[in-house]
Structures are given as structure tokens and as C-alpha cells.
PDB file of N, CA and C in Angstrom:
ATOM      1  N   UNK A   1     -23.213 -28.536  -3.377  1.00  0.00           N
ATOM      2  CA  UNK A   1     -24.070 -27.386  -3.271  1.00  0.00           C
ATOM      3  C   UNK A   1     -23.989 -26.739  -1.904  1.00  0.00           C
ATOM      4  N   UNK A   2     -23.764 -27.506  -0.881  1.00  0.00           N
ATOM      5  CA  UNK A   2     -23.741 -26.954   0.472  1.00  0.00           C
ATOM      6  C   UNK A   2     -22.544 -26.041   0.675  1.00  0.00           C
ATOM      7  N   UNK A   3     -21.460 -26.207  -0.077  1.00  0.00           N
ATOM      8  CA  UNK A   3     -20.266 -25.390   0.091  1.00  0.00           C
ATOM      9  C   UNK A   3     -20.337 -24.067  -0.664  1.00  0.00           C
ATOM     10  N   UNK A   4     -21.312 -23.865  -1.497  1.00  0.00           N
ATOM     11  CA  UNK A   4     -21.396 -22.653  -2.306  1.00  0.00           C
ATOM     12  C   UNK A   4     -21.481 -21.399  -1.445  1.00  0.00           C
ATOM     13  N   UNK A   5     -22.100 -21.477  -0.276  1.00  0.00           N
ATOM     14  CA  UNK A   5     -22.235 -20.306   0.585  1.00  0.00           C
ATOM     15  C   UNK A   5     -20.985 -20.020   1.402  1.00  0.00           C
ATOM     16  N   UNK A   6     -19.960 -20.849   1.310  1.00  0.00           N
ATOM     17  CA  UNK A   6     -18.757 -20.685   2.113  1.00  0.00           C
ATOM     18  C   UNK A   6     -17.593 -20.076   1.338  1.00  0.00           C
ATOM     19  N   UNK A   7     -17.837 -19.573   0.179  1.00  0.00           N
ATOM     20  CA  UNK A   7     -16.761 -19.003  -0.630  1.00  0.00           C
ATOM     21  C   UNK A   7     -16.141 -17.802   0.092  1.00  0.00           C
ATOM     22  N   UNK A   8     -14.839 -17.732   0.053  1.00  0.00           N
ATOM     23  CA  UNK A   8     -14.114 -16.633   0.687  1.00  0.00           C
ATOM     24  C   UNK A   8     -13.767 -15.616  -0.381  1.00  0.00           C
ATOM     25  N   UNK A   9     -14.138 -14.330  -0.172  1.00  0.00           N
ATOM     26  CA  UNK A   9     -13.821 -13.334  -1.196  1.00  0.00           C
ATOM     27  C   UNK A   9     -12.313 -13.106  -1.263  1.00  0.00           C
ATOM     28  N   UNK A  10     -11.808 -12.747  -2.441  1.00  0.00           N
ATOM     29  CA  UNK A  10     -10.369 -12.499  -2.563  1.00  0.00           C
ATOM     30  C   UNK A  10      -9.989 -11.262  -1.743  1.00  0.00           C
ATOM     31  N   UNK A  11      -8.728 -11.193  -1.298  1.00  0.00           N
ATOM     32  CA  UNK A  11      -8.304 -10.021  -0.536  1.00  0.00           C
ATOM     33  C   UNK A  11      -8.376  -8.772  -1.415  1.00  0.00           C
ATOM     34  N   UNK A  12      -8.609  -7.606  -0.798  1.00  0.00           N
ATOM     35  CA  UNK A  12      -8.694  -6.387  -1.609  1.00  0.00           C
ATOM     36  C   UNK A  12      -7.369  -6.101  -2.297  1.00  0.00           C
ATOM     37  N   UNK A  13      -7.459  -5.552  -3.507  1.00  0.00           N
ATOM     38  CA  UNK A  13      -6.262  -5.200  -4.270  1.00  0.00           C
ATOM     39  C   UNK A  13      -5.608  -3.978  -3.636  1.00  0.00           C
ATOM     40  N   UNK A  14      -4.316  -4.036  -3.457  1.00  0.00           N
ATOM     41  CA  UNK A  14      -3.601  -2.888  -2.938  1.00  0.00           C
ATOM     42  C   UNK A  14      -2.829  -2.247  -4.069  1.00  0.00           C
ATOM     43  N   UNK A  15      -3.071  -0.982  -4.279  1.00  0.00           N
ATOM     44  CA  UNK A  15      -2.354  -0.246  -5.304  1.00  0.00           C
ATOM     45  C   UNK A  15      -1.070   0.330  -4.715  1.00  0.00           C
ATOM     46  N   UNK A  16      -0.353   1.098  -5.509  1.00  0.00           N
ATOM     47  CA  UNK A  16       0.872   1.694  -5.000  1.00  0.00           C
ATOM     48  C   UNK A  16       0.561   2.709  -3.906  1.00  0.00           C
ATOM     49  N   UNK A  17       1.515   2.920  -3.032  1.00  0.00           N
ATOM     50  CA  UNK A  17       1.362   3.919  -1.973  1.00  0.00           C
ATOM     51  C   UNK A  17       1.156   5.288  -2.624  1.00  0.00           C
ATOM     52  N   UNK A  18       0.445   6.176  -1.935  1.00  0.00           N
ATOM     53  CA  UNK A  18       0.206   7.497  -2.518  1.00  0.00           C
ATOM     54  C   UNK A  18       1.497   8.308  -2.610  1.00  0.00           C
ATOM     55  N   UNK A  19       1.511   9.250  -3.547  1.00  0.00           N
ATOM     56  CA  UNK A  19       2.643  10.161  -3.669  1.00  0.00           C
ATOM     57  C   UNK A  19       2.527  11.229  -2.590  1.00  0.00           C
ATOM     58  N   UNK A  20       3.644  11.526  -1.964  1.00  0.00           N
ATOM     59  CA  UNK A  20       3.725  12.606  -0.994  1.00  0.00           C
ATOM     60  C   UNK A  20       4.583  13.690  -1.630  1.00  0.00           C
ATOM     61  N   UNK A  21       4.091  14.910  -1.647  1.00  0.00           N
ATOM     62  CA  UNK A  21       4.802  15.990  -2.317  1.00  0.00           C
ATOM     63  C   UNK A  21       5.603  16.818  -1.325  1.00  0.00           C
ATOM     64  N   UNK A  22       6.837  17.126  -1.711  1.00  0.00           N
ATOM     65  CA  UNK A  22       7.761  17.856  -0.848  1.00  0.00           C
ATOM     66  C   UNK A  22       8.412  18.984  -1.621  1.00  0.00           C
ATOM     67  N   UNK A  23       8.969  19.926  -0.867  1.00  0.00           N
ATOM     68  CA  UNK A  23       9.700  21.058  -1.432  1.00  0.00           C
ATOM     69  C   UNK A  23      11.085  21.095  -0.790  1.00  0.00           C
ATOM     70  N   UNK A  24      11.990  21.817  -1.420  1.00  0.00           N
ATOM     71  CA  UNK A  24      13.333  21.987  -0.866  1.00  0.00           C
ATOM     72  C   UNK A  24      13.213  22.558   0.555  1.00  0.00           C
ATOM     73  N   UNK A  25      13.891  21.908   1.498  1.00  0.00           N
ATOM     74  CA  UNK A  25      13.933  22.382   2.875  1.00  0.00           C
ATOM     75  C   UNK A  25      12.732  22.038   3.728  1.00  0.00           C
ATOM     76  N   UNK A  26      11.716  21.389   3.182  1.00  0.00           N
ATOM     77  CA  UNK A  26      10.515  21.033   3.937  1.00  0.00           C
ATOM     78  C   UNK A  26      10.490  19.526   4.196  1.00  0.00           C
ATOM     79  N   UNK A  27      10.266  19.149   5.438  1.00  0.00           N
ATOM     80  CA  UNK A  27      10.225  17.743   5.816  1.00  0.00           C
ATOM     81  C   UNK A  27       8.808  17.203   5.679  1.00  0.00           C
ATOM     82  N   UNK A  28       8.692  16.022   5.060  1.00  0.00           N
ATOM     83  CA  UNK A  28       7.400  15.348   4.921  1.00  0.00           C
ATOM     84  C   UNK A  28       7.541  13.905   5.393  1.00  0.00           C
ATOM     85  N   UNK A  29       6.453  13.340   5.888  1.00  0.00           N
ATOM     86  CA  UNK A  29       6.400  11.934   6.272  1.00  0.00           C
ATOM     87  C   UNK A  29       5.965  11.156   5.039  1.00  0.00           C
ATOM     88  N   UNK A  30       6.821  10.246   4.586  1.00  0.00           N
ATOM     89  CA  UNK A  30       6.536   9.461   3.382  1.00  0.00           C
ATOM     90  C   UNK A  30       6.252   8.023   3.807  1.00  0.00           C
ATOM     91  N   UNK A  31       5.077   7.823   4.418  1.00  0.00           N
ATOM     92  CA  UNK A  31       4.626   6.502   4.854  1.00  0.00           C
ATOM     93  C   UNK A  31       5.686   5.768   5.663  1.00  0.00           C
ATOM     94  N   UNK A  32       6.288   6.428   6.608  1.00  0.00           N
ATOM     95  CA  UNK A  32       7.319   5.818   7.456  1.00  0.00           C
ATOM     96  C   UNK A  32       8.479   6.766   7.641  1.00  0.00           C
ATOM     97  N   UNK A  33       9.404   6.793   6.674  1.00  0.00           N
ATOM     98  CA  UNK A  33      10.537   7.711   6.836  1.00  0.00           C
ATOM     99  C   UNK A  33      10.118   9.168   6.649  1.00  0.00           C
ATOM    100  N   UNK A  34      10.841  10.052   7.326  1.00  0.00           N
ATOM    101  CA  UNK A  34      10.679  11.484   7.100  1.00  0.00           C
ATOM    102  C   UNK A  34      11.751  11.889   6.098  1.00  0.00           C
ATOM    103  N   UNK A  35      11.359  12.648   5.079  1.00  0.00           N
ATOM    104  CA  UNK A  35      12.280  13.021   4.003  1.00  0.00           C
ATOM    105  C   UNK A  35      12.287  14.537   3.860  1.00  0.00           C
ATOM    106  N   UNK A  36      13.495  15.090   3.765  1.00  0.00           N
ATOM    107  CA  UNK A  36      13.669  16.524   3.540  1.00  0.00           C
ATOM    108  C   UNK A  36      14.536  16.713   2.306  1.00  0.00           C
ATOM    109  N   UNK A  37      13.959  17.128   1.161  1.00  0.00           N
ATOM    110  CA  UNK A  37      14.799  17.452   0.004  1.00  0.00           C
ATOM    111  C   UNK A  37      15.710  18.628   0.365  1.00  0.00           C
ATOM    112  N   UNK A  38      17.005  18.487   0.073  1.00  0.00           N
ATOM    113  CA  UNK A  38      17.976  19.514   0.429  1.00  0.00           C
ATOM    114  C   UNK A  38      18.413  20.356  -0.757  1.00  0.00           C
ATOM    115  N   UNK A  39      18.618  19.715  -1.918  1.00  0.00           N
ATOM    116  CA  UNK A  39      19.120  20.447  -3.090  1.00  0.00           C
ATOM    117  C   UNK A  39      18.875  19.650  -4.357  1.00  0.00           C
ATOM    118  N   UNK A  40      18.726  20.362  -5.465  1.00  0.00           N
ATOM    119  CA  UNK A  40      18.670  19.732  -6.783  1.00  0.00           C
ATOM    120  C   UNK A  40      20.112  19.599  -7.253  1.00  0.00           C
ATOM    121  N   UNK A  41      20.563  18.371  -7.474  1.00  0.00           N
ATOM    122  CA  UNK A  41      21.929  18.119  -7.933  1.00  0.00           C
ATOM    123  C   UNK A  41      22.016  18.155  -9.457  1.00  0.00           C
ATOM    124  N   UNK A  42      20.942  17.723 -10.101  1.00  0.00           N
ATOM    125  CA  UNK A  42      20.908  17.699 -11.575  1.00  0.00           C
ATOM    126  C   UNK A  42      19.469  17.755 -12.037  1.00  0.00           C
ATOM    127  N   UNK A  43      19.211  18.558 -13.046  1.00  0.00           N
ATOM    128  CA  UNK A  43      17.930  18.564 -13.730  1.00  0.00           C
ATOM    129  C   UNK A  43      18.231  18.666 -15.221  1.00  0.00           C
ATOM    130  N   UNK A  44      18.416  17.518 -15.833  1.00  0.00           N
ATOM    131  CA  UNK A  44      18.753  17.466 -17.256  1.00  0.00           C
ATOM    132  C   UNK A  44      17.563  16.988 -18.083  1.00  0.00           C
ATOM    133  N   UNK A  45      16.346  17.145 -17.527  1.00  0.00           N
ATOM    134  CA  UNK A  45      15.156  16.720 -18.265  1.00  0.00           C
ATOM    135  C   UNK A  45      15.027  17.509 -19.564  1.00  0.00           C
ATOM    136  N   UNK A  46      14.476  16.863 -20.551  1.00  0.00           N
ATOM    137  CA  UNK A  46      14.213  17.529 -21.825  1.00  0.00           C
ATOM    138  C   UNK A  46      13.127  18.576 -21.592  1.00  0.00           C
ATOM    139  N   UNK A  47      13.376  19.821 -21.978  1.00  0.00           N
ATOM    140  CA  UNK A  47      12.334  20.845 -21.810  1.00  0.00           C
ATOM    141  C   UNK A  47      11.070  20.467 -22.572  1.00  0.00           C
ATOM    142  N   UNK A  48       9.934  20.856 -22.015  1.00  0.00           N
ATOM    143  CA  UNK A  48       8.647  20.482 -22.614  1.00  0.00           C
ATOM    144  C   UNK A  48       8.447  21.087 -23.994  1.00  0.00           C
ATOM    145  N   UNK A  49       9.150  22.162 -24.327  1.00  0.00           N
ATOM    146  CA  UNK A  49       8.984  22.793 -25.640  1.00  0.00           C
ATOM    147  C   UNK A  49      10.214  22.555 -26.523  1.00  0.00           C
ATOM    148  N   UNK A  50      10.822  21.367 -26.381  1.00  0.00           N
ATOM    149  CA  UNK A  50      11.996  21.013 -27.183  1.00  0.00           C
ATOM    150  C   UNK A  50      11.914  19.544 -27.582  1.00  0.00           C
ATOM    151  N   UNK A  51      12.714  19.172 -28.561  1.00  0.00           N
ATOM    152  CA  UNK A  51      12.836  17.758 -28.961  1.00  0.00           C
ATOM    153  C   UNK A  51      14.203  17.280 -28.522  1.00  0.00           C
ATOM    154  N   UNK A  52      14.231  16.145 -27.850  1.00  0.00           N
ATOM    155  CA  UNK A  52      15.493  15.643 -27.302  1.00  0.00           C
ATOM    156  C   UNK A  52      15.663  14.170 -27.650  1.00  0.00           C
ATOM    157  N   UNK A  53      16.898  13.748 -27.736  1.00  0.00           N
ATOM    158  CA  UNK A  53      17.211  12.343 -27.971  1.00  0.00           C
ATOM    159  C   UNK A  53      17.089  11.564 -26.661  1.00  0.00           C
ATOM    160  N   UNK A  54      17.387  12.227 -25.551  1.00  0.00           N
ATOM    161  CA  UNK A  54      17.374  11.607 -24.224  1.00  0.00           C
ATOM    162  C   UNK A  54      16.410  12.373 -23.335  1.00  0.00           C
ATOM    163  N   UNK A  55      15.600  11.662 -22.552  1.00  0.00           N
ATOM    164  CA  UNK A  55      14.609  12.318 -21.688  1.00  0.00           C
ATOM    165  C   UNK A  55      15.259  13.087 -20.541  1.00  0.00           C
ATOM    166  N   UNK A  56      16.498  12.726 -20.181  1.00  0.00           N
ATOM    167  CA  UNK A  56      17.186  13.386 -19.076  1.00  0.00           C
ATOM    168  C   UNK A  56      16.784  12.789 -17.742  1.00  0.00           C
ATOM    169  N   UNK A  57      17.245  13.435 -16.670  1.00  0.00           N
ATOM    170  CA  UNK A  57      16.933  12.921 -15.340  1.00  0.00           C
ATOM    171  C   UNK A  57      17.019  14.048 -14.315  1.00  0.00           C
ATOM    172  N   UNK A  58      16.513  13.736 -13.123  1.00  0.00           N
ATOM    173  CA  UNK A  58      16.614  14.652 -11.989  1.00  0.00           C
ATOM    174  C   UNK A  58      17.238  13.877 -10.842  1.00  0.00           C
ATOM    175  N   UNK A  59      18.223  14.509 -10.205  1.00  0.00           N
ATOM    176  CA  UNK A  59      18.852  13.945  -9.005  1.00  0.00           C
ATOM    177  C   UNK A  59      18.760  15.000  -7.904  1.00  0.00           C
ATOM    178  N   UNK A  60      18.384  14.554  -6.707  1.00  0.00           N
ATOM    179  CA  UNK A  60      18.336  15.462  -5.573  1.00  0.00           C
ATOM    180  C   UNK A  60      19.090  14.862  -4.394  1.00  0.00           C
ATOM    181  N   UNK A  61      19.506  15.728  -3.505  1.00  0.00           N
ATOM    182  CA  UNK A  61      20.067  15.314  -2.221  1.00  0.00           C
ATOM    183  C   UNK A  61      18.929  15.434  -1.220  1.00  0.00           C
ATOM    184  N   UNK A  62      18.780  14.431  -0.352  1.00  0.00           N
ATOM    185  CA  UNK A  62      17.693  14.458   0.630  1.00  0.00           C
ATOM    186  C   UNK A  62      18.160  13.852   1.942  1.00  0.00           C
ATOM    187  N   UNK A  63      17.675  14.428   3.038  1.00  0.00           N
ATOM    188  CA  UNK A  63      17.910  13.844   4.355  1.00  0.00           C
ATOM    189  C   UNK A  63      16.757  12.898   4.641  1.00  0.00           C
ATOM    190  N   UNK A  64      17.089  11.698   5.077  1.00  0.00           N
ATOM    191  CA  UNK A  64      16.083  10.687   5.387  1.00  0.00           C
ATOM    192  C   UNK A  64      16.216  10.362   6.868  1.00  0.00           C
ATOM    193  N   UNK A  65      15.134  10.587   7.614  1.00  0.00           N
ATOM    194  CA  UNK A  65      15.117  10.331   9.053  1.00  0.00           C
ATOM    195  C   UNK A  65      14.332   9.061   9.324  1.00  0.00           C
ATOM    196  N   UNK A  66      14.992   8.139  10.023  1.00  0.00           N
ATOM    197  CA  UNK A  66      14.376   6.865  10.394  1.00  0.00           C
ATOM    198  C   UNK A  66      14.469   6.719  11.907  1.00  0.00           C
ATOM    199  N   UNK A  67      13.564   7.349  12.608  1.00  0.00           N
ATOM    200  CA  UNK A  67      13.603   7.292  14.067  1.00  0.00           C
ATOM    201  C   UNK A  67      14.810   8.045  14.592  1.00  0.00           C
ATOM    202  N   UNK A  68      15.709   7.334  15.270  1.00  0.00           N
ATOM    203  CA  UNK A  68      16.896   7.967  15.872  1.00  0.00           C
ATOM    204  C   UNK A  68      18.033   8.131  14.872  1.00  0.00           C
ATOM    205  N   UNK A  69      17.881   7.599  13.677  1.00  0.00           N
ATOM    206  CA  UNK A  69      18.953   7.628  12.678  1.00  0.00           C
ATOM    207  C   UNK A  69      18.583   8.551  11.525  1.00  0.00           C
ATOM    208  N   UNK A  70      19.571   9.299  11.046  1.00  0.00           N
ATOM    209  CA  UNK A  70      19.368  10.212   9.932  1.00  0.00           C
ATOM    210  C   UNK A  70      20.531  10.043   8.959  1.00  0.00           C
ATOM    211  N   UNK A  71      20.240  10.093   7.677  1.00  0.00           N
ATOM    212  CA  UNK A  71      21.303   9.999   6.673  1.00  0.00           C
ATOM    213  C   UNK A  71      20.945  10.852   5.469  1.00  0.00           C
ATOM    214  N   UNK A  72      21.969  11.342   4.783  1.00  0.00           N
ATOM    215  CA  UNK A  72      21.760  12.096   3.555  1.00  0.00           C
ATOM    216  C   UNK A  72      22.032  11.163   2.387  1.00  0.00           C
ATOM    217  N   UNK A  73      21.065  11.082   1.473  1.00  0.00           N
ATOM    218  CA  UNK A  73      21.167  10.177   0.324  1.00  0.00           C
ATOM    219  C   UNK A  73      20.837  10.937  -0.945  1.00  0.00           C
ATOM    220  N   UNK A  74      21.248  10.365  -2.046  1.00  0.00           N
ATOM    221  CA  UNK A  74      20.917  10.911  -3.358  1.00  0.00           C
ATOM    222  C   UNK A  74      19.749  10.118  -3.926  1.00  0.00           C
ATOM    223  N   UNK A  75      18.755  10.829  -4.440  1.00  0.00           N
ATOM    224  CA  UNK A  75      17.611  10.203  -5.095  1.00  0.00           C
ATOM    225  C   UNK A  75      17.613  10.608  -6.559  1.00  0.00           C
ATOM    226  N   UNK A  76      17.473   9.618  -7.438  1.00  0.00           N
ATOM    227  CA  UNK A  76      17.378   9.860  -8.875  1.00  0.00           C
ATOM    228  C   UNK A  76      15.978   9.460  -9.312  1.00  0.00           C
ATOM    229  N   UNK A  77      15.315  10.336 -10.051  1.00  0.00           N
ATOM    230  CA  UNK A  77      13.950  10.066 -10.472  1.00  0.00           C
ATOM    231  C   UNK A  77      13.847   8.719 -11.175  1.00  0.00           C
ATOM    232  N   UNK A  78      12.886   7.903 -10.717  1.00  0.00           N
ATOM    233  CA  UNK A  78      12.638   6.609 -11.331  1.00  0.00           C
ATOM    234  C   UNK A  78      13.538   5.482 -10.877  1.00  0.00           C
ATOM    235  N   UNK A  79      14.432   5.744  -9.886  1.00  0.00           N
ATOM    236  CA  UNK A  79      15.347   4.715  -9.391  1.00  0.00           C
ATOM    237  C   UNK A  79      15.166   4.550  -7.879  1.00  0.00           C
ATOM    238  N   UNK A  80      14.345   3.570  -7.453  1.00  0.00           N
ATOM    239  CA  UNK A  80      14.115   3.373  -6.020  1.00  0.00           C
ATOM    240  C   UNK A  80      15.417   3.020  -5.291  1.00  0.00           C
ATOM    241  N   UNK A  81      15.513   3.480  -4.033  1.00  0.00           N
ATOM    242  CA  UNK A  81      16.654   3.117  -3.190  1.00  0.00           C
ATOM    243  C   UNK A  81      16.134   2.371  -1.968  1.00  0.00           C
ATOM    244  N   UNK A  82      16.974   1.500  -1.410  1.00  0.00           N
ATOM    245  CA  UNK A  82      16.621   0.743  -0.212  1.00  0.00           C
ATOM    246  C   UNK A  82      16.665   1.668   0.994  1.00  0.00           C
ATOM    247  N   UNK A  83      15.594   1.675   1.757  1.00  0.00           N
ATOM    248  CA  UNK A  83      15.509   2.445   2.997  1.00  0.00           C
ATOM    249  C   UNK A  83      14.759   1.583   3.998  1.00  0.00           C
ATOM    250  N   UNK A  84      15.388   1.295   5.127  1.00  0.00           N
ATOM    251  CA  UNK A  84      14.774   0.485   6.183  1.00  0.00           C
ATOM    252  C   UNK A  84      14.239  -0.819   5.589  1.00  0.00           C
ATOM    253  N   UNK A  85      12.930  -1.067   5.736  1.00  0.00           N
ATOM    254  CA  UNK A  85      12.340  -2.324   5.259  1.00  0.00           C
ATOM    255  C   UNK A  85      11.620  -2.168   3.927  1.00  0.00           C
ATOM    256  N   UNK A  86      12.014  -1.171   3.130  1.00  0.00           N
ATOM    257  CA  UNK A  86      11.334  -0.957   1.856  1.00  0.00           C
ATOM    258  C   UNK A  86      12.180  -0.144   0.896  1.00  0.00           C
ATOM    259  N   UNK A  87      11.495   0.541  -0.016  1.00  0.00           N
ATOM    260  CA  UNK A  87      12.192   1.379  -0.996  1.00  0.00           C
ATOM    261  C   UNK A  87      11.554   2.760  -1.022  1.00  0.00           C
ATOM    262  N   UNK A  88      12.402   3.749  -1.272  1.00  0.00           N
ATOM    263  CA  UNK A  88      11.966   5.135  -1.419  1.00  0.00           C
ATOM    264  C   UNK A  88      12.279   5.539  -2.844  1.00  0.00           C
ATOM    265  N   UNK A  89      11.304   6.194  -3.495  1.00  0.00           N
ATOM    266  CA  UNK A  89      11.507   6.572  -4.887  1.00  0.00           C
ATOM    267  C   UNK A  89      11.062   8.008  -5.136  1.00  0.00           C
ATOM    268  N   UNK A  90      11.875   8.724  -5.896  1.00  0.00           N
ATOM    269  CA  UNK A  90      11.501  10.029  -6.429  1.00  0.00           C
ATOM    270  C   UNK A  90      10.729   9.727  -7.707  1.00  0.00           C
ATOM    271  N   UNK A  91       9.418   9.908  -7.665  1.00  0.00           N
ATOM    272  CA  UNK A  91       8.545   9.481  -8.759  1.00  0.00           C
ATOM    273  C   UNK A  91       8.303  10.588  -9.770  1.00  0.00           C
ATOM    274  N   UNK A  92       8.053  11.800  -9.281  1.00  0.00           N
ATOM    275  CA  UNK A  92       7.780  12.881 -10.217  1.00  0.00           C
ATOM    276  C   UNK A  92       8.415  14.187  -9.750  1.00  0.00           C
ATOM    277  N   UNK A  93       8.656  15.060 -10.707  1.00  0.00           N
ATOM    278  CA  UNK A  93       9.251  16.363 -10.435  1.00  0.00           C
ATOM    279  C   UNK A  93       8.447  17.408 -11.197  1.00  0.00           C
ATOM    280  N   UNK A  94       8.068  18.453 -10.499  1.00  0.00           N
ATOM    281  CA  UNK A  94       7.338  19.570 -11.103  1.00  0.00           C
ATOM    282  C   UNK A  94       8.066  20.859 -10.754  1.00  0.00           C
ATOM    283  N   UNK A  95       7.982  21.893 -11.489  1.00  0.00           N
ATOM    284  CA  UNK A  95       7.309  21.996 -12.786  1.00  0.00           C
ATOM    285  C   UNK A  95       8.154  21.377 -13.890  1.00  0.00           C
ATOM    286  N   UNK A  96       7.536  21.232 -15.065  1.00  0.00           N
ATOM    287  CA  UNK A  96       8.271  20.767 -16.235  1.00  0.00           C
ATOM    288  C   UNK A  96       9.332  21.795 -16.594  1.00  0.00           C
ATOM    289  N   UNK A  97      10.440  21.317 -17.145  1.00  0.00           N
ATOM    290  CA  UNK A  97      11.480  22.245 -17.618  1.00  0.00           C
ATOM    291  C   UNK A  97      11.022  22.908 -18.902  1.00  0.00           C
ATOM    292  N   UNK A  98      11.486  24.137 -19.086  1.00  0.00           N
ATOM    293  CA  UNK A  98      11.194  24.888 -20.307  1.00  0.00           C
ATOM    294  C   UNK A  98      12.480  25.530 -20.794  1.00  0.00           C
ATOM    295  N   UNK A  99      12.528  25.840 -22.077  1.00  0.00           N
ATOM    296  CA  UNK A  99      13.732  26.469 -22.635  1.00  0.00           C
ATOM    297  C   UNK A  99      13.776  27.961 -22.353  1.00  0.00           C
ATOM    298  N   UNK A 100      12.632  28.555 -22.043  1.00  0.00           N
ATOM    299  CA  UNK A 100      12.588  30.008 -21.894  1.00  0.00           C
ATOM    300  C   UNK A 100      12.650  30.499 -20.446  1.00  0.00           C
ATOM    301  N   UNK A 101      12.854  29.607 -19.490  1.00  0.00           N
ATOM    302  CA  UNK A 101      12.909  30.014 -18.082  1.00  0.00           C
ATOM    303  C   UNK A 101      13.748  29.032 -17.268  1.00  0.00           C
ATOM    304  N   UNK A 102      14.255  29.501 -16.153  1.00  0.00           N
ATOM    305  CA  UNK A 102      15.000  28.659 -15.219  1.00  0.00           C
ATOM    306  C   UNK A 102      14.128  28.421 -13.997  1.00  0.00           C
ATOM    307  N   UNK A 103      14.166  27.210 -13.475  1.00  0.00           N
ATOM    308  CA  UNK A 103      13.358  26.883 -12.299  1.00  0.00           C
ATOM    309  C   UNK A 103      14.142  27.256 -11.043  1.00  0.00           C
ATOM    310  N   UNK A 104      13.552  28.080 -10.203  1.00  0.00           N
ATOM    311  CA  UNK A 104      14.167  28.433  -8.922  1.00  0.00           C
ATOM    312  C   UNK A 104      14.018  27.248  -7.969  1.00  0.00           C
ATOM    313  N   UNK A 105      15.011  26.996  -7.119  1.00  0.00           N
ATOM    314  CA  UNK A 105      14.917  25.867  -6.176  1.00  0.00           C
ATOM    315  C   UNK A 105      13.607  25.855  -5.381  1.00  0.00           C
ATOM    316  N   UNK A 106      13.108  27.002  -4.964  1.00  0.00           N
ATOM    317  CA  UNK A 106      11.879  27.060  -4.158  1.00  0.00           C
ATOM    318  C   UNK A 106      10.642  26.636  -4.956  1.00  0.00           C
ATOM    319  N   UNK A 107      10.731  26.615  -6.284  1.00  0.00           N
ATOM    320  CA  UNK A 107       9.579  26.278  -7.122  1.00  0.00           C
ATOM    321  C   UNK A 107       9.451  24.784  -7.420  1.00  0.00           C
ATOM    322  N   UNK A 108      10.480  23.997  -7.113  1.00  0.00           N
ATOM    323  CA  UNK A 108      10.417  22.553  -7.362  1.00  0.00           C
ATOM    324  C   UNK A 108       9.441  21.881  -6.402  1.00  0.00           C
ATOM    325  N   UNK A 109       8.740  20.866  -6.898  1.00  0.00           N
ATOM    326  CA  UNK A 109       7.893  19.983  -6.094  1.00  0.00           C
ATOM    327  C   UNK A 109       8.277  18.563  -6.463  1.00  0.00           C
ATOM    328  N   UNK A 110       8.510  17.744  -5.448  1.00  0.00           N
ATOM    329  CA  UNK A 110       8.958  16.373  -5.664  1.00  0.00           C
ATOM    330  C   UNK A 110       7.899  15.398  -5.168  1.00  0.00           C
ATOM    331  N   UNK A 111       7.489  14.474  -6.022  1.00  0.00           N
ATOM    332  CA  UNK A 111       6.555  13.420  -5.647  1.00  0.00           C
ATOM    333  C   UNK A 111       7.345  12.213  -5.197  1.00  0.00           C
ATOM    334  N   UNK A 112       7.198  11.851  -3.913  1.00  0.00           N
ATOM    335  CA  UNK A 112       7.960  10.749  -3.316  1.00  0.00           C
ATOM    336  C   UNK A 112       7.018   9.627  -2.918  1.00  0.00           C
ATOM    337  N   UNK A 113       7.521   8.384  -2.998  1.00  0.00           N
ATOM    338  CA  UNK A 113       6.721   7.222  -2.608  1.00  0.00           C
ATOM    339  C   UNK A 113       7.618   6.241  -1.848  1.00  0.00           C
ATOM    340  N   UNK A 114       7.095   5.756  -0.707  1.00  0.00           N
ATOM    341  CA  UNK A 114       7.767   4.707   0.059  1.00  0.00           C
ATOM    342  C   UNK A 114       6.945   3.450  -0.045  1.00  0.00           C
ATOM    343  N   UNK A 115       7.577   2.379  -0.466  1.00  0.00           N
ATOM    344  CA  UNK A 115       6.916   1.077  -0.531  1.00  0.00           C
ATOM    345  C   UNK A 115       7.535   0.217   0.561  1.00  0.00           C
ATOM    346  N   UNK A 116       6.799   0.056   1.664  1.00  0.00           N
ATOM    347  CA  UNK A 116       7.318  -0.667   2.824  1.00  0.00           C
ATOM    348  C   UNK A 116       7.379  -2.166   2.627  1.00  0.00           C
ATOM    349  N   UNK A 117       8.187  -2.776   3.452  1.00  0.00           N
ATOM    350  CA  UNK A 117       8.328  -4.237   3.428  1.00  0.00           C
ATOM    351  C   UNK A 117       7.161  -4.878   4.134  1.00  0.00           C
ATOM    352  N   UNK A 118       7.453  -5.510   5.268  1.00  0.00           N
ATOM    353  CA  UNK A 118       6.418  -6.227   6.018  1.00  0.00           C
ATOM    354  C   UNK A 118       5.401  -5.361   6.671  1.00  0.00           C
TER     355      UNK A 118
END
């Protein structure tokens, strides 16, 4: 009975890092690395007003700045890449594709997440 008051509460639950939204040509800090989307390489997503066998994908070229070092990498939606002590992922892409319009590069918004190591 004397030990009942000594219980240690469990550590707080940590959820995923927040999404940071970026645009073509704009640099954002993604919980460590600075990321600048440079170009949309592929947007083969199924348009929201169509039926598709394959959901498609989005690939972008992005500059990743890590202090004194900078590199250009390709990011594919839903496929994390190793960066420094963690992973960087292109999580979401807006706006949705449609069959009746083309998305201008300036209209894209990219949701990025960095999950750091230690």
C-alpha cells in the first residue's frame, strides 16, 4: 500500500510531426531541413471526377538544405527518403486533379513531414 503513491505516469504519446506546406520555389523549414520544391516531375493521380484502376502518384524535384550542405532530390508522394538523421516525406498534394482543368505549377501545395532520428 505504501508504494501506491509512487506510480510514475507513462510518457506522453507523441504523434507524427506536423505537416509543413510548401509551394514551388518557396523555401520552408520542415522540422530541421529546409526544403524548396523546384518542379513537378509527374502528376499521374487519378482525377477526382474519374474512375481509375491505379491511384497514380506525384513526384517532385526539391532542394534540401542541411546547414552548409545542399542537395537536389526527388520526392515521391508516400515514399519517405533518408535525410540526415531521419526521413522526409511528401505526404499530400493539393489541389486534387480534375479532368476538366490543368493545374498550374504555382497552384500546387505540398504537405511535407520530417521525422527526425535522435
